[in-house]
PDB file of N, CA and C in Angstrom:
ATOM      1  N   MET A   1       0.780  -1.243   0.014  1.00  0.00           N
ATOM      2  CA  MET A   1       0.020  -0.027  -0.056  1.00  0.00           C
ATOM      3  C   MET A   1       0.867   1.234  -0.024  1.00  0.00           C
ATOM      4  N   ASN A   2       1.906   1.243   0.742  1.00  0.00           N
ATOM      5  CA  ASN A   2       2.810   2.349   0.872  1.00  0.00           C
ATOM      6  C   ASN A   2       3.483   2.634  -0.466  1.00  0.00           C
ATOM      7  N   ALA A   3       3.896   1.485  -1.182  1.00  0.00           N
ATOM      8  CA  ALA A   3       4.584   1.586  -2.433  1.00  0.00           C
ATOM      9  C   ALA A   3       3.615   2.156  -3.499  1.00  0.00           C
ATOM     10  N   ALA A   4       2.382   1.750  -3.485  1.00  0.00           N
ATOM     11  CA  ALA A   4       1.447   2.375  -4.330  1.00  0.00           C
ATOM     12  C   ALA A   4       1.223   3.754  -4.062  1.00  0.00           C
ATOM     13  N   GLY A   5       1.060   4.062  -2.922  1.00  0.00           N
ATOM     14  CA  GLY A   5       0.926   5.566  -2.583  1.00  0.00           C
ATOM     15  C   GLY A   5       2.086   6.463  -3.169  1.00  0.00           C
ATOM     16  N   GLN A   6       3.280   5.869  -2.903  1.00  0.00           N
ATOM     17  CA  GLN A   6       4.448   6.642  -3.384  1.00  0.00           C
ATOM     18  C   GLN A   6       4.398   6.830  -4.904  1.00  0.00           C
ATOM     19  N   ILE A   7       3.875   5.837  -5.549  1.00  0.00           N
ATOM     20  CA  ILE A   7       3.811   5.876  -7.126  1.00  0.00           C
ATOM     21  C   ILE A   7       2.750   6.879  -7.467  1.00  0.00           C
ATOM     22  N   CYS A   8       1.634   6.799  -6.673  1.00  0.00           N
ATOM     23  CA  CYS A   8       0.550   7.911  -6.970  1.00  0.00           C
ATOM     24  C   CYS A   8       1.211   9.333  -6.843  1.00  0.00           C
ATOM     25  N   GLU A   9       1.884   9.512  -5.738  1.00  0.00           N
ATOM     26  CA  GLU A   9       2.496  10.897  -5.489  1.00  0.00           C
ATOM     27  C   GLU A   9       3.358  11.259  -6.670  1.00  0.00           C
ATOM     28  N   GLN A  10       4.256  10.360  -7.205  1.00  0.00           N
ATOM     29  CA  GLN A  10       5.233  10.653  -8.185  1.00  0.00           C
ATOM     30  C   GLN A  10       4.446  10.976  -9.533  1.00  0.00           C
ATOM     31  N   GLU A  11       3.329  10.258  -9.780  1.00  0.00           N
ATOM     32  CA  GLU A  11       2.520  10.474 -10.918  1.00  0.00           C
ATOM     33  C   GLU A  11       1.675  11.602 -10.856  1.00  0.00           C
ATOM     34  N   GLY A  12       1.313  12.089  -9.489  1.00  0.00           N
ATOM     35  CA  GLY A  12       0.291  13.218  -9.359  1.00  0.00           C
ATOM     36  C   GLY A  12      -0.998  12.720  -9.695  1.00  0.00           C
ATOM     37  N   HIS A  13      -1.256  11.479  -9.589  1.00  0.00           N
ATOM     38  CA  HIS A  13      -2.480  10.911 -10.021  1.00  0.00           C
ATOM     39  C   HIS A  13      -2.876   9.897  -8.912  1.00  0.00           C
ATOM     40  N   HIS A  14      -4.012   9.876  -8.354  1.00  0.00           N
ATOM     41  CA  HIS A  14      -4.323   9.148  -7.099  1.00  0.00           C
ATOM     42  C   HIS A  14      -5.376   8.114  -7.421  1.00  0.00           C
ATOM     43  N   ALA A  15      -5.183   6.928  -6.714  1.00  0.00           N
ATOM     44  CA  ALA A  15      -6.212   5.878  -6.858  1.00  0.00           C
ATOM     45  C   ALA A  15      -7.046   5.837  -5.509  1.00  0.00           C
ATOM     46  N   GLU A  16      -8.125   5.045  -5.442  1.00  0.00           N
ATOM     47  CA  GLU A  16      -8.733   4.808  -4.200  1.00  0.00           C
ATOM     48  C   GLU A  16      -8.417   3.351  -3.795  1.00  0.00           C
ATOM     49  N   PHE A  17      -8.077   3.227  -2.595  1.00  0.00           N
ATOM     50  CA  PHE A  17      -7.590   2.013  -2.050  1.00  0.00           C
ATOM     51  C   PHE A  17      -8.659   1.356  -1.101  1.00  0.00           C
ATOM     52  N   SER A  18      -8.654   0.181  -1.107  1.00  0.00           N
ATOM     53  CA  SER A  18      -9.467  -0.574   0.017  1.00  0.00           C
ATOM     54  C   SER A  18      -8.896  -1.887   0.417  1.00  0.00           C
ATOM     55  N   LEU A  19      -8.794  -2.116   1.685  1.00  0.00           N
ATOM     56  CA  LEU A  19      -8.077  -3.320   2.287  1.00  0.00           C
ATOM     57  C   LEU A  19      -9.177  -4.322   2.703  1.00  0.00           C
ATOM     58  N   GLY A  20      -8.802  -5.594   2.543  1.00  0.00           N
ATOM     59  CA  GLY A  20      -9.500  -6.793   2.885  1.00  0.00           C
ATOM     60  C   GLY A  20      -8.571  -7.777   3.329  1.00  0.00           C
ATOM     61  N   TRP A  21      -9.056  -8.908   4.075  1.00  0.00           N
ATOM     62  CA  TRP A  21      -8.172  -9.878   4.573  1.00  0.00           C
ATOM     63  C   TRP A  21      -7.211 -10.441   3.485  1.00  0.00           C
ATOM     64  N   GLY A  22      -6.038 -10.218   3.480  1.00  0.00           N
ATOM     65  CA  GLY A  22      -5.055 -10.860   2.596  1.00  0.00           C
ATOM     66  C   GLY A  22      -5.164 -10.208   1.232  1.00  0.00           C
ATOM     67  N   ARG A  23      -5.777  -8.966   1.103  1.00  0.00           N
ATOM     68  CA  ARG A  23      -5.615  -8.384  -0.218  1.00  0.00           C
ATOM     69  C   ARG A  23      -5.752  -6.770  -0.052  1.00  0.00           C
ATOM     70  N   ALA A  24      -5.350  -6.187  -1.069  1.00  0.00           N
ATOM     71  CA  ALA A  24      -5.476  -4.703  -1.279  1.00  0.00           C
ATOM     72  C   ALA A  24      -6.006  -4.351  -2.666  1.00  0.00           C
ATOM     73  N   ASP A  25      -7.117  -3.604  -2.688  1.00  0.00           N
ATOM     74  CA  ASP A  25      -7.602  -3.227  -4.112  1.00  0.00           C
ATOM     75  C   ASP A  25      -7.284  -1.821  -4.390  1.00  0.00           C
ATOM     76  N   ALA A  26      -7.095  -1.446  -5.623  1.00  0.00           N
ATOM     77  CA  ALA A  26      -7.004  -0.163  -6.068  1.00  0.00           C
ATOM     78  C   ALA A  26      -7.924   0.202  -7.193  1.00  0.00           C
ATOM     79  N   THR A  27      -8.681   1.263  -7.113  1.00  0.00           N
ATOM     80  CA  THR A  27      -9.659   1.608  -8.169  1.00  0.00           C
ATOM     81  C   THR A  27      -8.947   2.942  -8.768  1.00  0.00           C
ATOM     82  N   ILE A  28      -8.744   2.789 -10.144  1.00  0.00           N
ATOM     83  CA  ILE A  28      -8.107   4.028 -10.821  1.00  0.00           C
ATOM     84  C   ILE A  28      -9.239   4.399 -11.777  1.00  0.00           C
ATOM     85  N   TYR A  29      -9.493   5.694 -11.781  1.00  0.00           N
ATOM     86  CA  TYR A  29     -10.635   6.190 -12.614  1.00  0.00           C
ATOM     87  C   TYR A  29     -10.462   7.740 -12.580  1.00  0.00           C
ATOM     88  N   THR A  30     -10.831   8.361 -13.705  1.00  0.00           N
ATOM     89  CA  THR A  30     -10.712   9.720 -13.807  1.00  0.00           C
ATOM     90  C   THR A  30     -12.184  10.268 -13.820  1.00  0.00           C
ATOM     91  N   HIS A  31     -12.616  10.992 -12.658  1.00  0.00           N
ATOM     92  CA  HIS A  31     -13.940  11.342 -12.713  1.00  0.00           C
ATOM     93  C   HIS A  31     -14.293  12.556 -13.776  1.00  0.00           C
ATOM     94  N   LYS A  32     -13.370  13.320 -13.973  1.00  0.00           N
ATOM     95  CA  LYS A  32     -13.550  14.442 -14.999  1.00  0.00           C
ATOM     96  C   LYS A  32     -13.934  13.889 -16.359  1.00  0.00           C
ATOM     97  N   VAL A  33     -13.553  12.866 -16.817  1.00  0.00           N
ATOM     98  CA  VAL A  33     -13.939  12.312 -18.173  1.00  0.00           C
ATOM     99  C   VAL A  33     -14.977  11.131 -18.007  1.00  0.00           C
ATOM    100  N   ASN A  34     -15.261  10.799 -16.795  1.00  0.00           N
ATOM    101  CA  ASN A  34     -16.093   9.715 -16.558  1.00  0.00           C
ATOM    102  C   ASN A  34     -15.679   8.350 -17.238  1.00  0.00           C
ATOM    103  N   GLY A  35     -14.328   8.095 -17.009  1.00  0.00           N
ATOM    104  CA  GLY A  35     -13.703   6.983 -17.519  1.00  0.00           C
ATOM    105  C   GLY A  35     -12.136   6.789 -17.321  1.00  0.00           C
ATOM    106  N   LEU A  36     -11.507   6.172 -18.162  1.00  0.00           N
ATOM    107  CA  LEU A  36     -10.199   5.976 -17.997  1.00  0.00           C
ATOM    108  C   LEU A  36      -9.366   6.926 -18.826  1.00  0.00           C
ATOM    109  N   THR A  37      -8.199   7.276 -18.508  1.00  0.00           N
ATOM    110  CA  THR A  37      -7.405   8.089 -19.323  1.00  0.00           C
ATOM    111  C   THR A  37      -5.881   7.452 -19.421  1.00  0.00           C
ATOM    112  N   GLN A  38      -5.103   8.106 -20.252  1.00  0.00           N
ATOM    113  CA  GLN A  38      -3.744   7.544 -20.418  1.00  0.00           C
ATOM    114  C   GLN A  38      -3.021   7.496 -19.068  1.00  0.00           C
ATOM    115  N   ALA A  39      -3.339   8.453 -18.154  1.00  0.00           N
ATOM    116  CA  ALA A  39      -2.638   8.500 -16.871  1.00  0.00           C
ATOM    117  C   ALA A  39      -3.204   7.349 -16.013  1.00  0.00           C
ATOM    118  N   ASP A  40      -4.429   7.034 -16.129  1.00  0.00           N
ATOM    119  CA  ASP A  40      -4.839   5.816 -15.365  1.00  0.00           C
ATOM    120  C   ASP A  40      -4.108   4.498 -15.884  1.00  0.00           C
ATOM    121  N   LEU A  41      -3.857   4.352 -17.132  1.00  0.00           N
ATOM    122  CA  LEU A  41      -3.265   3.226 -17.678  1.00  0.00           C
ATOM    123  C   LEU A  41      -1.784   3.135 -17.102  1.00  0.00           C
ATOM    124  N   VAL A  42      -1.169   4.360 -17.221  1.00  0.00           N
ATOM    125  CA  VAL A  42       0.293   4.365 -16.782  1.00  0.00           C
ATOM    126  C   VAL A  42       0.335   4.153 -15.261  1.00  0.00           C
ATOM    127  N   LEU A  43      -0.632   4.517 -14.515  1.00  0.00           N
ATOM    128  CA  LEU A  43      -0.549   4.273 -13.018  1.00  0.00           C
ATOM    129  C   LEU A  43      -0.675   2.770 -12.917  1.00  0.00           C
ATOM    130  N   ALA A  44      -1.705   2.224 -13.433  1.00  0.00           N
ATOM    131  CA  ALA A  44      -1.901   0.808 -13.298  1.00  0.00           C
ATOM    132  C   ALA A  44      -0.754  -0.044 -13.725  1.00  0.00           C
ATOM    133  N   ALA A  45      -0.112   0.365 -14.734  1.00  0.00           N
ATOM    134  CA  ALA A  45       1.149  -0.515 -15.160  1.00  0.00           C
ATOM    135  C   ALA A  45       2.259  -0.359 -14.220  1.00  0.00           C
ATOM    136  N   LYS A  46       2.442   0.742 -13.533  1.00  0.00           N
ATOM    137  CA  LYS A  46       3.388   0.978 -12.611  1.00  0.00           C
ATOM    138  C   LYS A  46       3.041   0.010 -11.215  1.00  0.00           C
ATOM    139  N   PHE A  47       1.790  -0.166 -10.916  1.00  0.00           N
ATOM    140  CA  PHE A  47       1.336  -0.971  -9.925  1.00  0.00           C
ATOM    141  C   PHE A  47       1.715  -2.367 -10.043  1.00  0.00           C
ATOM    142  N   VAL A  48       1.837  -2.816 -11.272  1.00  0.00           N
ATOM    143  CA  VAL A  48       2.049  -4.345 -11.602  1.00  0.00           C
ATOM    144  C   VAL A  48       3.336  -4.788 -11.028  1.00  0.00           C
ATOM    145  N   GLY A  49       4.314  -4.028 -10.937  1.00  0.00           N
ATOM    146  CA  GLY A  49       5.607  -4.269 -10.393  1.00  0.00           C
ATOM    147  C   GLY A  49       5.782  -4.457  -8.925  1.00  0.00           C
ATOM    148  N   ILE A  50       4.735  -4.091  -8.177  1.00  0.00           N
ATOM    149  CA  ILE A  50       4.714  -3.960  -6.789  1.00  0.00           C
ATOM    150  C   ILE A  50       4.649  -5.419  -6.125  1.00  0.00           C
ATOM    151  N   THR A  51       5.609  -5.927  -5.337  1.00  0.00           N
ATOM    152  CA  THR A  51       5.526  -7.176  -4.763  1.00  0.00           C
ATOM    153  C   THR A  51       5.250  -6.998  -3.189  1.00  0.00           C
ATOM    154  N   PRO A  52       4.526  -7.976  -2.578  1.00  0.00           N
ATOM    155  CA  PRO A  52       4.316  -7.770  -1.123  1.00  0.00           C
ATOM    156  C   PRO A  52       5.721  -7.971  -0.411  1.00  0.00           C
ATOM    157  N   PRO A  53       5.776  -7.247   0.803  1.00  0.00           N
ATOM    158  CA  PRO A  53       7.001  -7.414   1.546  1.00  0.00           C
ATOM    159  C   PRO A  53       7.128  -8.855   2.256  1.00  0.00           C
ATOM    160  N   GLN A  54       8.357  -9.290   2.433  1.00  0.00           N
ATOM    161  CA  GLN A  54       8.474 -10.520   3.048  1.00  0.00           C
ATOM    162  C   GLN A  54       8.446 -10.421   4.459  1.00  0.00           C
ATOM    163  N   LEU A  55       7.567 -11.170   5.070  1.00  0.00           N
ATOM    164  CA  LEU A  55       7.334 -11.140   6.531  1.00  0.00           C
ATOM    165  C   LEU A  55       8.198 -12.115   7.267  1.00  0.00           C
TER     166      LEU A  55
END
């Protein structure tokens, strides 16, 4: 979650996050256009590389 938040800050584009048991969900959406933009797709692609920390 922290890694995703840092990526959002770097991109200047923010997702909505929700947590559940054993999972974290990110919703990426641009309300201004009522859909997805290139910035949303870039943000999602950067989230793909995040791995969970080793406990």
